[in-house]
Structure formats: structure tokens, C-alpha cells
PDB file of all heavy atoms in Angstrom:
ATOM      1  N   ALA A   1       0.834  -1.202   0.000  1.00  0.00           N
ATOM      2  CA  ALA A   1       0.000   0.000   0.000  1.00  0.00           C
ATOM      3  C   ALA A   1       0.870   1.254   0.000  1.00  0.00           C
ATOM      4  O   ALA A   1       0.594   2.235  -0.726  1.00  0.00           O
ATOM      5  CB  ALA A   1      -0.924  -0.013   1.220  1.00  0.00           C
ATOM      6  N   GLU A   2       1.924   1.233   0.780  1.00  0.00           N
ATOM      7  CA  GLU A   2       2.828   2.388   0.855  1.00  0.00           C
ATOM      8  C   GLU A   2       3.563   2.620  -0.451  1.00  0.00           C
ATOM      9  O   GLU A   2       3.818   3.778  -0.832  1.00  0.00           O
ATOM     10  CB  GLU A   2       3.818   2.178   2.002  1.00  0.00           C
ATOM     11  CG  GLU A   2       3.161   2.256   3.367  1.00  0.00           C
ATOM     12  CD  GLU A   2       4.013   1.693   4.500  1.00  0.00           C
ATOM     13  OE1 GLU A   2       5.104   1.159   4.211  1.00  0.00           O
ATOM     14  OE2 GLU A   2       3.592   1.786   5.657  1.00  0.00           O
ATOM     15  N   GLU A   3       3.895   1.543  -1.143  1.00  0.00           N
ATOM     16  CA  GLU A   3       4.592   1.703  -2.426  1.00  0.00           C
ATOM     17  C   GLU A   3       3.698   2.367  -3.467  1.00  0.00           C
ATOM     18  O   GLU A   3       4.165   3.206  -4.241  1.00  0.00           O
ATOM     19  CB  GLU A   3       5.074   0.346  -2.941  1.00  0.00           C
ATOM     20  CG  GLU A   3       6.243  -0.249  -2.163  1.00  0.00           C
ATOM     21  CD  GLU A   3       7.517   0.563  -2.291  1.00  0.00           C
ATOM     22  OE1 GLU A   3       7.598   1.470  -3.146  1.00  0.00           O
ATOM     23  OE2 GLU A   3       8.455   0.294  -1.519  1.00  0.00           O
ATOM     24  N   TRP A   4       2.409   2.003  -3.471  1.00  0.00           N
ATOM     25  CA  TRP A   4       1.511   2.641  -4.436  1.00  0.00           C
ATOM     26  C   TRP A   4       1.314   4.111  -4.113  1.00  0.00           C
ATOM     27  O   TRP A   4       1.237   4.952  -5.007  1.00  0.00           O
ATOM     28  CB  TRP A   4       0.167   1.916  -4.475  1.00  0.00           C
ATOM     29  CG  TRP A   4       0.203   0.652  -5.277  1.00  0.00           C
ATOM     30  CD1 TRP A   4      -0.094  -0.600  -4.847  1.00  0.00           C
ATOM     31  CD2 TRP A   4       0.575   0.524  -6.655  1.00  0.00           C
ATOM     32  NE1 TRP A   4       0.075  -1.510  -5.866  1.00  0.00           N
ATOM     33  CE2 TRP A   4       0.482  -0.844  -6.992  1.00  0.00           C
ATOM     34  CE3 TRP A   4       0.979   1.415  -7.640  1.00  0.00           C
ATOM     35  CZ2 TRP A   4       0.773  -1.339  -8.258  1.00  0.00           C
ATOM     36  CZ3 TRP A   4       1.280   0.935  -8.909  1.00  0.00           C
ATOM     37  CH2 TRP A   4       1.170  -0.418  -9.213  1.00  0.00           C
ATOM     38  N   LEU A   5       1.248   4.449  -2.828  1.00  0.00           N
ATOM     39  CA  LEU A   5       1.135   5.861  -2.441  1.00  0.00           C
ATOM     40  C   LEU A   5       2.418   6.616  -2.775  1.00  0.00           C
ATOM     41  O   LEU A   5       2.371   7.767  -3.218  1.00  0.00           O
ATOM     42  CB  LEU A   5       0.835   5.969  -0.945  1.00  0.00           C
ATOM     43  CG  LEU A   5      -0.535   5.443  -0.501  1.00  0.00           C
ATOM     44  CD1 LEU A   5      -0.670   5.522   1.016  1.00  0.00           C
ATOM     45  CD2 LEU A   5      -1.667   6.210  -1.181  1.00  0.00           C
ATOM     46  N   ALA A   6       3.560   5.956  -2.583  1.00  0.00           N
ATOM     47  CA  ALA A   6       4.842   6.586  -2.916  1.00  0.00           C
ATOM     48  C   ALA A   6       4.954   6.804  -4.422  1.00  0.00           C
ATOM     49  O   ALA A   6       5.460   7.832  -4.882  1.00  0.00           O
ATOM     50  CB  ALA A   6       5.999   5.719  -2.422  1.00  0.00           C
ATOM     51  N   TYR A   7       4.486   5.805  -5.180  1.00  0.00           N
ATOM     52  CA  TYR A   7       4.478   5.948  -6.646  1.00  0.00           C
ATOM     53  C   TYR A   7       3.693   7.192  -7.045  1.00  0.00           C
ATOM     54  O   TYR A   7       4.166   8.014  -7.834  1.00  0.00           O
ATOM     55  CB  TYR A   7       3.861   4.714  -7.296  1.00  0.00           C
ATOM     56  CG  TYR A   7       3.535   4.915  -8.769  1.00  0.00           C
ATOM     57  CD1 TYR A   7       4.529   4.789  -9.742  1.00  0.00           C
ATOM     58  CD2 TYR A   7       2.250   5.268  -9.164  1.00  0.00           C
ATOM     59  CE1 TYR A   7       4.237   5.003 -11.086  1.00  0.00           C
ATOM     60  CE2 TYR A   7       1.953   5.483 -10.499  1.00  0.00           C
ATOM     61  CZ  TYR A   7       2.946   5.352 -11.454  1.00  0.00           C
ATOM     62  OH  TYR A   7       2.664   5.574 -12.773  1.00  0.00           O
ATOM     63  N   TYR A   8       2.488   7.346  -6.496  1.00  0.00           N
ATOM     64  CA  TYR A   8       1.657   8.492  -6.860  1.00  0.00           C
ATOM     65  C   TYR A   8       2.301   9.796  -6.421  1.00  0.00           C
ATOM     66  O   TYR A   8       2.244  10.802  -7.143  1.00  0.00           O
ATOM     67  CB  TYR A   8       0.265   8.364  -6.244  1.00  0.00           C
ATOM     68  CG  TYR A   8      -0.654   9.476  -6.678  1.00  0.00           C
ATOM     69  CD1 TYR A   8      -1.257   9.449  -7.937  1.00  0.00           C
ATOM     70  CD2 TYR A   8      -0.878  10.582  -5.858  1.00  0.00           C
ATOM     71  CE1 TYR A   8      -2.074  10.483  -8.356  1.00  0.00           C
ATOM     72  CE2 TYR A   8      -1.698  11.618  -6.273  1.00  0.00           C
ATOM     73  CZ  TYR A   8      -2.291  11.563  -7.522  1.00  0.00           C
ATOM     74  OH  TYR A   8      -3.095  12.599  -7.943  1.00  0.00           O
ATOM     75  N   GLN A   9       2.900   9.786  -5.226  1.00  0.00           N
ATOM     76  CA  GLN A   9       3.529  11.014  -4.715  1.00  0.00           C
ATOM     77  C   GLN A   9       4.623  11.493  -5.651  1.00  0.00           C
ATOM     78  O   GLN A   9       4.724  12.692  -5.937  1.00  0.00           O
ATOM     79  CB  GLN A   9       4.090  10.764  -3.319  1.00  0.00           C
ATOM     80  CG  GLN A   9       4.686  12.008  -2.665  1.00  0.00           C
ATOM     81  CD  GLN A   9       4.966  11.798  -1.188  1.00  0.00           C
ATOM     82  OE1 GLN A   9       4.316  10.969  -0.535  1.00  0.00           O
ATOM     83  NE2 GLN A   9       5.911  12.535  -0.649  1.00  0.00           N
ATOM     84  N   TYR A  10       5.447  10.579  -6.136  1.00  0.00           N
ATOM     85  CA  TYR A  10       6.499  10.956  -7.086  1.00  0.00           C
ATOM     86  C   TYR A  10       5.903  11.336  -8.440  1.00  0.00           C
ATOM     87  O   TYR A  10       6.344  12.303  -9.078  1.00  0.00           O
ATOM     88  CB  TYR A  10       7.490   9.814  -7.264  1.00  0.00           C
ATOM     89  CG  TYR A  10       8.554   9.749  -6.197  1.00  0.00           C
ATOM     90  CD1 TYR A  10       8.717   8.610  -5.406  1.00  0.00           C
ATOM     91  CD2 TYR A  10       9.418  10.818  -5.974  1.00  0.00           C
ATOM     92  CE1 TYR A  10       9.706   8.546  -4.429  1.00  0.00           C
ATOM     93  CE2 TYR A  10      10.401  10.761  -4.999  1.00  0.00           C
ATOM     94  CZ  TYR A  10      10.537   9.627  -4.234  1.00  0.00           C
ATOM     95  OH  TYR A  10      11.512   9.571  -3.269  1.00  0.00           O
ATOM     96  N   TRP A  11       4.920  10.577  -8.873  1.00  0.00           N
ATOM     97  CA  TRP A  11       4.327  10.799 -10.201  1.00  0.00           C
ATOM     98  C   TRP A  11       3.682  12.175 -10.287  1.00  0.00           C
ATOM     99  O   TRP A  11       3.921  12.928 -11.226  1.00  0.00           O
ATOM    100  CB  TRP A  11       3.298   9.703 -10.485  1.00  0.00           C
ATOM    101  CG  TRP A  11       2.570   9.875 -11.780  1.00  0.00           C
ATOM    102  CD1 TRP A  11       3.008   9.544 -13.031  1.00  0.00           C
ATOM    103  CD2 TRP A  11       1.261  10.431 -11.947  1.00  0.00           C
ATOM    104  NE1 TRP A  11       2.048   9.868 -13.966  1.00  0.00           N
ATOM    105  CE2 TRP A  11       0.969  10.406 -13.329  1.00  0.00           C
ATOM    106  CE3 TRP A  11       0.307  10.939 -11.060  1.00  0.00           C
ATOM    107  CZ2 TRP A  11      -0.238  10.876 -13.839  1.00  0.00           C
ATOM    108  CZ3 TRP A  11      -0.895  11.405 -11.571  1.00  0.00           C
ATOM    109  CH2 TRP A  11      -1.165  11.371 -12.950  1.00  0.00           C
ATOM    110  N   VAL A  12       2.852  12.502  -9.279  1.00  0.00           N
ATOM    111  CA  VAL A  12       2.175  13.796  -9.320  1.00  0.00           C
ATOM    112  C   VAL A  12       3.171  14.922  -9.067  1.00  0.00           C
ATOM    113  O   VAL A  12       3.039  16.025  -9.618  1.00  0.00           O
ATOM    114  CB  VAL A  12       1.005  13.832  -8.310  1.00  0.00           C
ATOM    115  CG1 VAL A  12       1.486  14.012  -6.871  1.00  0.00           C
ATOM    116  CG2 VAL A  12       0.019  14.928  -8.667  1.00  0.00           C
ATOM    117  N   GLY A  13       4.194  14.665  -8.231  1.00  0.00           N
ATOM    118  CA  GLY A  13       5.217  15.679  -7.989  1.00  0.00           C
ATOM    119  C   GLY A  13       5.951  16.067  -9.260  1.00  0.00           C
ATOM    120  O   GLY A  13       6.266  17.240  -9.483  1.00  0.00           O
ATOM    121  N   ALA A  14       6.206  15.069 -10.114  1.00  0.00           N
ATOM    122  CA  ALA A  14       6.885  15.339 -11.382  1.00  0.00           C
ATOM    123  C   ALA A  14       6.035  16.225 -12.288  1.00  0.00           C
ATOM    124  O   ALA A  14       6.563  16.997 -13.098  1.00  0.00           O
ATOM    125  CB  ALA A  14       7.220  14.028 -12.094  1.00  0.00           C
ATOM    126  N   LEU A  15       4.728  16.145 -12.140  1.00  0.00           N
ATOM    127  CA  LEU A  15       3.825  16.939 -12.983  1.00  0.00           C
ATOM    128  C   LEU A  15       3.746  18.400 -12.542  1.00  0.00           C
ATOM    129  O   LEU A  15       3.618  19.294 -13.379  1.00  0.00           O
ATOM    130  CB  LEU A  15       2.419  16.340 -12.952  1.00  0.00           C
ATOM    131  CG  LEU A  15       2.224  14.966 -13.597  1.00  0.00           C
ATOM    132  CD1 LEU A  15       0.788  14.512 -13.405  1.00  0.00           C
ATOM    133  CD2 LEU A  15       2.574  15.007 -15.079  1.00  0.00           C
ATOM    134  N   VAL A  16       3.816  18.637 -11.238  1.00  0.00           N
ATOM    135  CA  VAL A  16       3.517  19.986 -10.729  1.00  0.00           C
ATOM    136  C   VAL A  16       4.735  20.750 -10.233  1.00  0.00           C
ATOM    137  O   VAL A  16       4.620  21.933  -9.908  1.00  0.00           O
ATOM    138  CB  VAL A  16       2.473  19.918  -9.588  1.00  0.00           C
ATOM    139  CG1 VAL A  16       1.191  19.269 -10.075  1.00  0.00           C
ATOM    140  CG2 VAL A  16       3.028  19.168  -8.375  1.00  0.00           C
ATOM    141  N   VAL A  17       5.906  20.109 -10.161  1.00  0.00           N
ATOM    142  CA  VAL A  17       7.073  20.767  -9.571  1.00  0.00           C
ATOM    143  C   VAL A  17       7.404  22.067 -10.303  1.00  0.00           C
ATOM    144  O   VAL A  17       7.307  22.162 -11.527  1.00  0.00           O
ATOM    145  CB  VAL A  17       8.297  19.816  -9.573  1.00  0.00           C
ATOM    146  CG1 VAL A  17       8.718  19.443 -10.998  1.00  0.00           C
ATOM    147  CG2 VAL A  17       9.477  20.435  -8.817  1.00  0.00           C
ATOM    148  N   GLU A  18       7.808  23.069  -9.533  1.00  0.00           N
ATOM    149  CA  GLU A  18       8.155  24.382 -10.069  1.00  0.00           C
ATOM    150  C   GLU A  18       9.464  24.847  -9.447  1.00  0.00           C
ATOM    151  O   GLU A  18       9.953  24.275  -8.488  1.00  0.00           O
ATOM    152  CB  GLU A  18       7.054  25.412  -9.744  1.00  0.00           C
ATOM    153  CG  GLU A  18       5.692  25.086 -10.314  1.00  0.00           C
ATOM    154  CD  GLU A  18       4.617  26.045  -9.832  1.00  0.00           C
ATOM    155  OE1 GLU A  18       4.919  26.843  -8.903  1.00  0.00           O
ATOM    156  OE2 GLU A  18       3.497  25.992 -10.350  1.00  0.00           O
ATOM    157  N   GLY A  19      10.002  25.924 -10.016  1.00  0.00           N
ATOM    158  CA  GLY A  19      11.149  26.585  -9.403  1.00  0.00           C
ATOM    159  C   GLY A  19      12.487  26.085  -9.892  1.00  0.00           C
ATOM    160  O   GLY A  19      12.599  25.471 -10.958  1.00  0.00           O
ATOM    161  N   ALA A  20      13.515  26.366  -9.070  1.00  0.00           N
ATOM    162  CA  ALA A  20      14.893  26.069  -9.442  1.00  0.00           C
ATOM    163  C   ALA A  20      15.076  24.586  -9.702  1.00  0.00           C
ATOM    164  O   ALA A  20      14.518  23.741  -9.018  1.00  0.00           O
ATOM    165  CB  ALA A  20      15.842  26.525  -8.328  1.00  0.00           C
ATOM    166  N   MET A  21      15.860  24.271 -10.723  1.00  0.00           N
ATOM    167  CA  MET A  21      16.209  22.893 -11.068  1.00  0.00           C
ATOM    168  C   MET A  21      14.973  22.053 -11.409  1.00  0.00           C
ATOM    169  O   MET A  21      14.963  20.836 -11.216  1.00  0.00           O
ATOM    170  CB  MET A  21      16.995  22.237  -9.923  1.00  0.00           C
ATOM    171  CG  MET A  21      18.289  22.957  -9.589  1.00  0.00           C
ATOM    172  SD  MET A  21      19.113  22.281  -8.144  1.00  0.00           S
ATOM    173  CE  MET A  21      19.490  20.630  -8.720  1.00  0.00           C
ATOM    174  N   ARG A  22      13.935  22.675 -11.898  1.00  0.00           N
ATOM    175  CA  ARG A  22      12.675  21.975 -12.165  1.00  0.00           C
ATOM    176  C   ARG A  22      12.883  20.750 -13.051  1.00  0.00           C
ATOM    177  O   ARG A  22      12.391  19.657 -12.738  1.00  0.00           O
ATOM    178  CB  ARG A  22      11.676  22.918 -12.829  1.00  0.00           C
ATOM    179  CG  ARG A  22      10.373  22.219 -13.240  1.00  0.00           C
ATOM    180  CD  ARG A  22       9.441  23.152 -13.999  1.00  0.00           C
ATOM    181  NE  ARG A  22       8.250  22.461 -14.430  1.00  0.00           N
ATOM    182  CZ  ARG A  22       8.169  21.725 -15.520  1.00  0.00           C
ATOM    183  NH1 ARG A  22       9.234  21.586 -16.313  1.00  0.00           N
ATOM    184  NH2 ARG A  22       7.050  21.110 -15.841  1.00  0.00           N
ATOM    185  N   ALA A  23      13.597  20.901 -14.160  1.00  0.00           N
ATOM    186  CA  ALA A  23      13.759  19.791 -15.100  1.00  0.00           C
ATOM    187  C   ALA A  23      14.501  18.618 -14.457  1.00  0.00           C
ATOM    188  O   ALA A  23      14.120  17.454 -14.638  1.00  0.00           O
ATOM    189  CB  ALA A  23      14.501  20.269 -16.353  1.00  0.00           C
ATOM    190  N   ASP A  24      15.540  18.920 -13.690  1.00  0.00           N
ATOM    191  CA  ASP A  24      16.319  17.859 -13.040  1.00  0.00           C
ATOM    192  C   ASP A  24      15.487  17.133 -11.982  1.00  0.00           C
ATOM    193  O   ASP A  24      15.501  15.897 -11.910  1.00  0.00           O
ATOM    194  CB  ASP A  24      17.574  18.442 -12.390  1.00  0.00           C
ATOM    195  CG  ASP A  24      18.596  18.924 -13.402  1.00  0.00           C
ATOM    196  OD1 ASP A  24      18.518  18.481 -14.567  1.00  0.00           O
ATOM    197  OD2 ASP A  24      19.460  19.738 -13.046  1.00  0.00           O
ATOM    198  N   VAL A  25      14.779  17.894 -11.171  1.00  0.00           N
ATOM    199  CA  VAL A  25      13.958  17.294 -10.116  1.00  0.00           C
ATOM    200  C   VAL A  25      12.827  16.478 -10.729  1.00  0.00           C
ATOM    201  O   VAL A  25      12.493  15.387 -10.252  1.00  0.00           O
ATOM    202  CB  VAL A  25      13.400  18.384  -9.173  1.00  0.00           C
ATOM    203  CG1 VAL A  25      12.405  17.790  -8.179  1.00  0.00           C
ATOM    204  CG2 VAL A  25      14.543  19.067  -8.427  1.00  0.00           C
ATOM    205  N   GLN A  26      12.239  16.989 -11.795  1.00  0.00           N
ATOM    206  CA  GLN A  26      11.171  16.260 -12.474  1.00  0.00           C
ATOM    207  C   GLN A  26      11.665  14.904 -12.967  1.00  0.00           C
ATOM    208  O   GLN A  26      11.001  13.876 -12.773  1.00  0.00           O
ATOM    209  CB  GLN A  26      10.658  17.085 -13.655  1.00  0.00           C
ATOM    210  CG  GLN A  26       9.489  16.462 -14.399  1.00  0.00           C
ATOM    211  CD  GLN A  26       9.023  17.339 -15.558  1.00  0.00           C
ATOM    212  OE1 GLN A  26       9.826  17.745 -16.398  1.00  0.00           O
ATOM    213  NE2 GLN A  26       7.744  17.639 -15.588  1.00  0.00           N
TER     214      GLN A  26
END
């Protein structure tokens, strides 16, 4: 269950991340 939540957390984070180093963090 935690892995699926972690997957979503990273997945959605890659979509919305802003600011410095955005491309690298994405």
C-alpha cells in the first residue's frame, strides 16, 4: 500500500514541480 502511495507522490510531484532545477527534479 505504501509503495503505491509513494508511486503516486512521485508521479504527481513530477507533474507539478516548479522553481529552481525543475527539469532535473522532475
